[in-house]
């Protein structure tokens, strides 16, 4: 994954901020260009979110940090 973070503010935030939630999505470093299909990942203490970078408002997958780490370990072994 790329170390470049893209921050998104919650759509429930008011114009002055208030009690908003921001999340940082990282785009896969395997993306060749902006038109390539790839994934973005956002990590929090409680969950790891994964989404299609071409459909930012679409659905996302949610994993526990332990499940995500297991997936990464498996993916790196094949």
PDB file of N, CA and C in Angstrom:
ATOM      1  N   UNK A   1       0.827  -1.173   0.000  1.00  0.00           N
ATOM      2  CA  UNK A   1       0.000   0.000   0.000  1.00  0.00           C
ATOM      3  C   UNK A   1       0.875   1.241   0.000  1.00  0.00           C
ATOM      4  N   UNK A   2       0.382   2.249  -0.618  1.00  0.00           N
ATOM      5  CA  UNK A   2       1.077   3.522  -0.648  1.00  0.00           C
ATOM      6  C   UNK A   2       1.000   4.178   0.725  1.00  0.00           C
ATOM      7  N   UNK A   3       2.003   4.959   1.056  1.00  0.00           N
ATOM      8  CA  UNK A   3       1.974   5.670   2.335  1.00  0.00           C
ATOM      9  C   UNK A   3       1.241   6.998   2.217  1.00  0.00           C
ATOM     10  N   UNK A   4       0.829   7.378   1.015  1.00  0.00           N
ATOM     11  CA  UNK A   4       0.081   8.614   0.827  1.00  0.00           C
ATOM     12  C   UNK A   4      -1.333   8.432   1.346  1.00  0.00           C
ATOM     13  N   UNK A   5      -1.749   9.279   2.281  1.00  0.00           N
ATOM     14  CA  UNK A   5      -3.075   9.189   2.862  1.00  0.00           C
ATOM     15  C   UNK A   5      -3.992  10.225   2.239  1.00  0.00           C
ATOM     16  N   UNK A   6      -5.215   9.844   1.991  1.00  0.00           N
ATOM     17  CA  UNK A   6      -6.235  10.759   1.494  1.00  0.00           C
ATOM     18  C   UNK A   6      -7.301  10.826   2.574  1.00  0.00           C
ATOM     19  N   UNK A   7      -7.527  12.020   3.129  1.00  0.00           N
ATOM     20  CA  UNK A   7      -8.465  12.190   4.236  1.00  0.00           C
ATOM     21  C   UNK A   7      -9.833  12.566   3.708  1.00  0.00           C
ATOM     22  N   UNK A   8     -10.857  11.958   4.292  1.00  0.00           N
ATOM     23  CA  UNK A   8     -12.240  12.272   3.951  1.00  0.00           C
ATOM     24  C   UNK A   8     -12.987  12.592   5.234  1.00  0.00           C
ATOM     25  N   UNK A   9     -13.723  13.711   5.215  1.00  0.00           N
ATOM     26  CA  UNK A   9     -14.512  14.117   6.365  1.00  0.00           C
ATOM     27  C   UNK A   9     -15.897  13.497   6.261  1.00  0.00           C
ATOM     28  N   UNK A  10     -16.457  13.164   7.396  1.00  0.00           N
ATOM     29  CA  UNK A  10     -17.791  12.588   7.435  1.00  0.00           C
ATOM     30  C   UNK A  10     -18.807  13.522   6.790  1.00  0.00           C
ATOM     31  N   UNK A  11     -19.756  12.951   6.060  1.00  0.00           N
ATOM     32  CA  UNK A  11     -20.815  13.746   5.440  1.00  0.00           C
ATOM     33  C   UNK A  11     -21.773  14.297   6.493  1.00  0.00           C
ATOM     34  N   UNK A  12     -21.657  13.840   7.730  1.00  0.00           N
ATOM     35  CA  UNK A  12     -22.510  14.323   8.815  1.00  0.00           C
ATOM     36  C   UNK A  12     -21.910  15.537   9.521  1.00  0.00           C
ATOM     37  N   UNK A  13     -20.750  15.991   9.081  1.00  0.00           N
ATOM     38  CA  UNK A  13     -20.097  17.148   9.690  1.00  0.00           C
ATOM     39  C   UNK A  13     -20.767  18.429   9.219  1.00  0.00           C
ATOM     40  N   UNK A  14     -20.855  19.374  10.100  1.00  0.00           N
ATOM     41  CA  UNK A  14     -21.379  20.684   9.739  1.00  0.00           C
ATOM     42  C   UNK A  14     -20.304  21.508   9.058  1.00  0.00           C
ATOM     43  N   UNK A  15     -20.650  22.700   8.570  1.00  0.00           N
ATOM     44  CA  UNK A  15     -19.676  23.539   7.868  1.00  0.00           C
ATOM     45  C   UNK A  15     -18.532  24.002   8.766  1.00  0.00           C
ATOM     46  N   UNK A  16     -18.757  24.038  10.081  1.00  0.00           N
ATOM     47  CA  UNK A  16     -17.724  24.477  11.006  1.00  0.00           C
ATOM     48  C   UNK A  16     -16.988  23.312  11.662  1.00  0.00           C
ATOM     49  N   UNK A  17     -17.181  22.130  11.149  1.00  0.00           N
ATOM     50  CA  UNK A  17     -16.506  20.966  11.726  1.00  0.00           C
ATOM     51  C   UNK A  17     -17.405  20.249  12.701  1.00  0.00           C
ATOM     52  N   UNK A  18     -17.372  20.681  13.943  1.00  0.00           N
ATOM     53  CA  UNK A  18     -18.199  20.015  14.947  1.00  0.00           C
ATOM     54  C   UNK A  18     -17.705  18.614  15.232  1.00  0.00           C
ATOM     55  N   UNK A  19     -18.627  17.753  15.573  1.00  0.00           N
ATOM     56  CA  UNK A  19     -18.272  16.379  15.911  1.00  0.00           C
ATOM     57  C   UNK A  19     -18.209  15.529  14.652  1.00  0.00           C
ATOM     58  N   UNK A  20     -17.135  15.682  13.922  1.00  0.00           N
ATOM     59  CA  UNK A  20     -17.000  14.941  12.668  1.00  0.00           C
ATOM     60  C   UNK A  20     -16.020  13.794  12.838  1.00  0.00           C
ATOM     61  N   UNK A  21     -16.086  12.893  11.908  1.00  0.00           N
ATOM     62  CA  UNK A  21     -15.163  11.762  11.872  1.00  0.00           C
ATOM     63  C   UNK A  21     -14.417  11.832  10.558  1.00  0.00           C
ATOM     64  N   UNK A  22     -13.130  11.697  10.622  1.00  0.00           N
ATOM     65  CA  UNK A  22     -12.328  11.646   9.411  1.00  0.00           C
ATOM     66  C   UNK A  22     -11.647  10.294   9.348  1.00  0.00           C
ATOM     67  N   UNK A  23     -11.478   9.812   8.133  1.00  0.00           N
ATOM     68  CA  UNK A  23     -10.807   8.535   7.938  1.00  0.00           C
ATOM     69  C   UNK A  23      -9.823   8.694   6.787  1.00  0.00           C
ATOM     70  N   UNK A  24      -8.678   8.071   6.913  1.00  0.00           N
ATOM     71  CA  UNK A  24      -7.644   8.165   5.883  1.00  0.00           C
ATOM     72  C   UNK A  24      -7.631   6.881   5.075  1.00  0.00           C
ATOM     73  N   UNK A  25      -7.799   7.008   3.771  1.00  0.00           N
ATOM     74  CA  UNK A  25      -7.737   5.866   2.858  1.00  0.00           C
ATOM     75  C   UNK A  25      -6.387   5.865   2.168  1.00  0.00           C
ATOM     76  N   UNK A  26      -5.765   4.695   2.081  1.00  0.00           N
ATOM     77  CA  UNK A  26      -4.507   4.530   1.348  1.00  0.00           C
ATOM     78  C   UNK A  26      -4.802   3.729   0.093  1.00  0.00           C
ATOM     79  N   UNK A  27      -4.279   4.205  -1.024  1.00  0.00           N
ATOM     80  CA  UNK A  27      -4.464   3.508  -2.294  1.00  0.00           C
ATOM     81  C   UNK A  27      -3.346   2.489  -2.486  1.00  0.00           C
ATOM     82  N   UNK A  28      -3.676   1.378  -3.099  1.00  0.00           N
ATOM     83  CA  UNK A  28      -2.691   0.334  -3.335  1.00  0.00           C
ATOM     84  C   UNK A  28      -1.503   0.862  -4.129  1.00  0.00           C
ATOM     85  N   UNK A  29      -0.312   0.470  -3.717  1.00  0.00           N
ATOM     86  CA  UNK A  29       0.898   0.885  -4.442  1.00  0.00           C
ATOM     87  C   UNK A  29       1.032   0.143  -5.758  1.00  0.00           C
ATOM     88  N   UNK A  30       0.200  -0.872  -5.988  1.00  0.00           N
ATOM     89  CA  UNK A  30       0.238  -1.638  -7.234  1.00  0.00           C
ATOM     90  C   UNK A  30      -0.586  -0.983  -8.337  1.00  0.00           C
ATOM     91  N   UNK A  31      -1.221   0.140  -8.029  1.00  0.00           N
ATOM     92  CA  UNK A  31      -1.986   0.858  -9.037  1.00  0.00           C
ATOM     93  C   UNK A  31      -1.014   1.507 -10.019  1.00  0.00           C
ATOM     94  N   UNK A  32      -1.192   1.241 -11.302  1.00  0.00           N
ATOM     95  CA  UNK A  32      -0.288   1.792 -12.314  1.00  0.00           C
ATOM     96  C   UNK A  32      -0.617   3.245 -12.643  1.00  0.00           C
ATOM     97  N   UNK A  33      -1.889   3.592 -12.586  1.00  0.00           N
ATOM     98  CA  UNK A  33      -2.311   4.969 -12.851  1.00  0.00           C
ATOM     99  C   UNK A  33      -3.679   5.180 -12.225  1.00  0.00           C
ATOM    100  N   UNK A  34      -4.229   6.377 -12.363  1.00  0.00           N
ATOM    101  CA  UNK A  34      -5.511   6.683 -11.746  1.00  0.00           C
ATOM    102  C   UNK A  34      -6.664   5.898 -12.351  1.00  0.00           C
ATOM    103  N   UNK A  35      -6.491   5.347 -13.552  1.00  0.00           N
ATOM    104  CA  UNK A  35      -7.570   4.606 -14.194  1.00  0.00           C
ATOM    105  C   UNK A  35      -7.541   3.119 -13.873  1.00  0.00           C
ATOM    106  N   UNK A  36      -6.483   2.682 -13.203  1.00  0.00           N
ATOM    107  CA  UNK A  36      -6.359   1.258 -12.882  1.00  0.00           C
ATOM    108  C   UNK A  36      -7.341   0.891 -11.774  1.00  0.00           C
ATOM    109  N   UNK A  37      -7.819  -0.308 -11.835  1.00  0.00           N
ATOM    110  CA  UNK A  37      -8.701  -0.813 -10.783  1.00  0.00           C
ATOM    111  C   UNK A  37      -7.833  -1.241  -9.610  1.00  0.00           C
ATOM    112  N   UNK A  38      -8.099  -0.700  -8.474  1.00  0.00           N
ATOM    113  CA  UNK A  38      -7.330  -1.099  -7.306  1.00  0.00           C
ATOM    114  C   UNK A  38      -8.156  -0.868  -6.053  1.00  0.00           C
ATOM    115  N   UNK A  39      -7.570  -1.205  -4.938  1.00  0.00           N
ATOM    116  CA  UNK A  39      -8.273  -1.072  -3.668  1.00  0.00           C
ATOM    117  C   UNK A  39      -7.659   0.032  -2.829  1.00  0.00           C
ATOM    118  N   UNK A  40      -8.466   0.513  -1.897  1.00  0.00           N
ATOM    119  CA  UNK A  40      -8.010   1.462  -0.889  1.00  0.00           C
ATOM    120  C   UNK A  40      -8.327   0.850   0.466  1.00  0.00           C
ATOM    121  N   UNK A  41      -7.475   1.120   1.431  1.00  0.00           N
ATOM    122  CA  UNK A  41      -7.627   0.576   2.778  1.00  0.00           C
ATOM    123  C   UNK A  41      -7.583   1.711   3.780  1.00  0.00           C
ATOM    124  N   UNK A  42      -8.458   1.644   4.768  1.00  0.00           N
ATOM    125  CA  UNK A  42      -8.447   2.580   5.885  1.00  0.00           C
ATOM    126  C   UNK A  42      -8.412   1.761   7.162  1.00  0.00           C
ATOM    127  N   UNK A  43      -7.511   2.115   8.070  1.00  0.00           N
ATOM    128  CA  UNK A  43      -7.359   1.348   9.306  1.00  0.00           C
ATOM    129  C   UNK A  43      -7.719   2.201  10.512  1.00  0.00           C
ATOM    130  N   UNK A  44      -8.471   1.610  11.417  1.00  0.00           N
ATOM    131  CA  UNK A  44      -8.748   2.219  12.715  1.00  0.00           C
ATOM    132  C   UNK A  44      -8.328   1.197  13.766  1.00  0.00           C
ATOM    133  N   UNK A  45      -8.446   1.556  15.020  1.00  0.00           N
ATOM    134  CA  UNK A  45      -8.079   0.613  16.080  1.00  0.00           C
ATOM    135  C   UNK A  45      -9.019  -0.584  16.105  1.00  0.00           C
ATOM    136  N   UNK A  46     -10.260  -0.399  15.685  1.00  0.00           N
ATOM    137  CA  UNK A  46     -11.257  -1.459  15.780  1.00  0.00           C
ATOM    138  C   UNK A  46     -11.530  -2.196  14.481  1.00  0.00           C
ATOM    139  N   UNK A  47     -11.174  -1.599  13.338  1.00  0.00           N
ATOM    140  CA  UNK A  47     -11.545  -2.218  12.059  1.00  0.00           C
ATOM    141  C   UNK A  47     -10.604  -1.793  10.946  1.00  0.00           C
ATOM    142  N   UNK A  48     -10.572  -2.619   9.912  1.00  0.00           N
ATOM    143  CA  UNK A  48      -9.868  -2.300   8.675  1.00  0.00           C
ATOM    144  C   UNK A  48     -10.924  -2.310   7.570  1.00  0.00           C
ATOM    145  N   UNK A  49     -11.026  -1.202   6.850  1.00  0.00           N
ATOM    146  CA  UNK A  49     -12.010  -1.061   5.789  1.00  0.00           C
ATOM    147  C   UNK A  49     -11.315  -1.172   4.439  1.00  0.00           C
ATOM    148  N   UNK A  50     -11.960  -1.841   3.496  1.00  0.00           N
ATOM    149  CA  UNK A  50     -11.406  -2.035   2.160  1.00  0.00           C
ATOM    150  C   UNK A  50     -12.486  -1.670   1.154  1.00  0.00           C
ATOM    151  N   UNK A  51     -12.118  -0.859   0.143  1.00  0.00           N
ATOM    152  CA  UNK A  51     -13.091  -0.465  -0.877  1.00  0.00           C
ATOM    153  C   UNK A  51     -12.441  -0.392  -2.252  1.00  0.00           C
ATOM    154  N   UNK A  52     -13.275  -0.351  -3.260  1.00  0.00           N
ATOM    155  CA  UNK A  52     -12.860  -0.176  -4.650  1.00  0.00           C
ATOM    156  C   UNK A  52     -12.526   1.300  -4.846  1.00  0.00           C
ATOM    157  N   UNK A  53     -11.329   1.601  -5.308  1.00  0.00           N
ATOM    158  CA  UNK A  53     -10.920   2.999  -5.457  1.00  0.00           C
ATOM    159  C   UNK A  53     -11.701   3.731  -6.544  1.00  0.00           C
ATOM    160  N   UNK A  54     -12.344   2.988  -7.455  1.00  0.00           N
ATOM    161  CA  UNK A  54     -13.123   3.636  -8.516  1.00  0.00           C
ATOM    162  C   UNK A  54     -14.569   3.876  -8.097  1.00  0.00           C
ATOM    163  N   UNK A  55     -14.974   3.346  -6.943  1.00  0.00           N
ATOM    164  CA  UNK A  55     -16.346   3.504  -6.457  1.00  0.00           C
ATOM    165  C   UNK A  55     -16.294   3.904  -4.987  1.00  0.00           C
ATOM    166  N   UNK A  56     -15.780   5.102  -4.733  1.00  0.00           N
ATOM    167  CA  UNK A  56     -15.524   5.562  -3.371  1.00  0.00           C
ATOM    168  C   UNK A  56     -16.779   5.635  -2.507  1.00  0.00           C
ATOM    169  N   UNK A  57     -17.924   5.873  -3.104  1.00  0.00           N
ATOM    170  CA  UNK A  57     -19.154   5.954  -2.315  1.00  0.00           C
ATOM    171  C   UNK A  57     -19.890   4.618  -2.272  1.00  0.00           C
ATOM    172  N   UNK A  58     -19.322   3.604  -2.903  1.00  0.00           N
ATOM    173  CA  UNK A  58     -19.947   2.291  -2.933  1.00  0.00           C
ATOM    174  C   UNK A  58     -19.690   1.508  -1.661  1.00  0.00           C
ATOM    175  N   UNK A  59     -19.998   0.225  -1.691  1.00  0.00           N
ATOM    176  CA  UNK A  59     -19.833  -0.604  -0.493  1.00  0.00           C
ATOM    177  C   UNK A  59     -18.367  -0.826  -0.147  1.00  0.00           C
ATOM    178  N   UNK A  60     -18.141  -1.210   1.090  1.00  0.00           N
ATOM    179  CA  UNK A  60     -16.798  -1.557   1.530  1.00  0.00           C
ATOM    180  C   UNK A  60     -16.858  -2.818   2.381  1.00  0.00           C
ATOM    181  N   UNK A  61     -15.738  -3.472   2.495  1.00  0.00           N
ATOM    182  CA  UNK A  61     -15.606  -4.641   3.355  1.00  0.00           C
ATOM    183  C   UNK A  61     -15.008  -4.203   4.683  1.00  0.00           C
ATOM    184  N   UNK A  62     -15.421  -4.829   5.760  1.00  0.00           N
ATOM    185  CA  UNK A  62     -14.895  -4.518   7.086  1.00  0.00           C
ATOM    186  C   UNK A  62     -14.297  -5.778   7.696  1.00  0.00           C
ATOM    187  N   UNK A  63     -13.068  -5.650   8.170  1.00  0.00           N
ATOM    188  CA  UNK A  63     -12.359  -6.757   8.795  1.00  0.00           C
ATOM    189  C   UNK A  63     -11.889  -6.343  10.184  1.00  0.00           C
ATOM    190  N   UNK A  64     -11.725  -7.310  11.068  1.00  0.00           N
ATOM    191  CA  UNK A  64     -11.041  -7.011  12.319  1.00  0.00           C
ATOM    192  C   UNK A  64      -9.560  -6.863  11.991  1.00  0.00           C
ATOM    193  N   UNK A  65      -8.802  -6.129  12.799  1.00  0.00           N
ATOM    194  CA  UNK A  65      -7.365  -6.029  12.532  1.00  0.00           C
ATOM    195  C   UNK A  65      -6.683  -7.399  12.480  1.00  0.00           C
ATOM    196  N   UNK A  66      -7.096  -8.343  13.332  1.00  0.00           N
ATOM    197  CA  UNK A  66      -6.486  -9.676  13.333  1.00  0.00           C
ATOM    198  C   UNK A  66      -6.792 -10.424  12.034  1.00  0.00           C
ATOM    199  N   UNK A  67      -8.034 -10.328  11.559  1.00  0.00           N
ATOM    200  CA  UNK A  67      -8.399 -10.991  10.301  1.00  0.00           C
ATOM    201  C   UNK A  67      -7.644 -10.382   9.128  1.00  0.00           C
ATOM    202  N   UNK A  68      -7.495  -9.071   9.127  1.00  0.00           N
ATOM    203  CA  UNK A  68      -6.763  -8.388   8.042  1.00  0.00           C
ATOM    204  C   UNK A  68      -5.296  -8.821   8.051  1.00  0.00           C
ATOM    205  N   UNK A  69      -4.699  -8.890   9.224  1.00  0.00           N
ATOM    206  CA  UNK A  69      -3.302  -9.320   9.320  1.00  0.00           C
ATOM    207  C   UNK A  69      -3.145 -10.750   8.831  1.00  0.00           C
ATOM    208  N   UNK A  70      -4.103 -11.613   9.156  1.00  0.00           N
ATOM    209  CA  UNK A  70      -4.064 -13.001   8.665  1.00  0.00           C
ATOM    210  C   UNK A  70      -4.133 -13.036   7.151  1.00  0.00           C
ATOM    211  N   UNK A  71      -5.003 -12.206   6.586  1.00  0.00           N
ATOM    212  CA  UNK A  71      -5.105 -12.140   5.127  1.00  0.00           C
ATOM    213  C   UNK A  71      -3.792 -11.681   4.503  1.00  0.00           C
ATOM    214  N   UNK A  72      -3.188 -10.629   5.054  1.00  0.00           N
ATOM    215  CA  UNK A  72      -1.929 -10.119   4.524  1.00  0.00           C
ATOM    216  C   UNK A  72      -0.818 -11.169   4.613  1.00  0.00           C
ATOM    217  N   UNK A  73      -0.751 -11.863   5.731  1.00  0.00           N
ATOM    218  CA  UNK A  73       0.249 -12.910   5.896  1.00  0.00           C
ATOM    219  C   UNK A  73       0.053 -14.004   4.859  1.00  0.00           C
ATOM    220  N   UNK A  74      -1.193 -14.419   4.651  1.00  0.00           N
ATOM    221  CA  UNK A  74      -1.478 -15.434   3.637  1.00  0.00           C
ATOM    222  C   UNK A  74      -1.133 -14.929   2.241  1.00  0.00           C
ATOM    223  N   UNK A  75      -1.561 -13.715   1.898  1.00  0.00           N
ATOM    224  CA  UNK A  75      -1.330 -13.164   0.567  1.00  0.00           C
ATOM    225  C   UNK A  75       0.163 -13.041   0.246  1.00  0.00           C
ATOM    226  N   UNK A  76       0.961 -12.719   1.240  1.00  0.00           N
ATOM    227  CA  UNK A  76       2.391 -12.579   1.022  1.00  0.00           C
ATOM    228  C   UNK A  76       3.079 -13.933   0.883  1.00  0.00           C
ATOM    229  N   UNK A  77       2.422 -14.997   1.310  1.00  0.00           N
ATOM    230  CA  UNK A  77       3.044 -16.319   1.252  1.00  0.00           C
ATOM    231  C   UNK A  77       2.779 -17.039  -0.080  1.00  0.00           C
ATOM    232  N   UNK A  78       1.837 -16.553  -0.855  1.00  0.00           N
ATOM    233  CA  UNK A  78       1.516 -17.232  -2.121  1.00  0.00           C
ATOM    234  C   UNK A  78       2.172 -16.570  -3.297  1.00  0.00           C
TER     235      UNK A  78
END
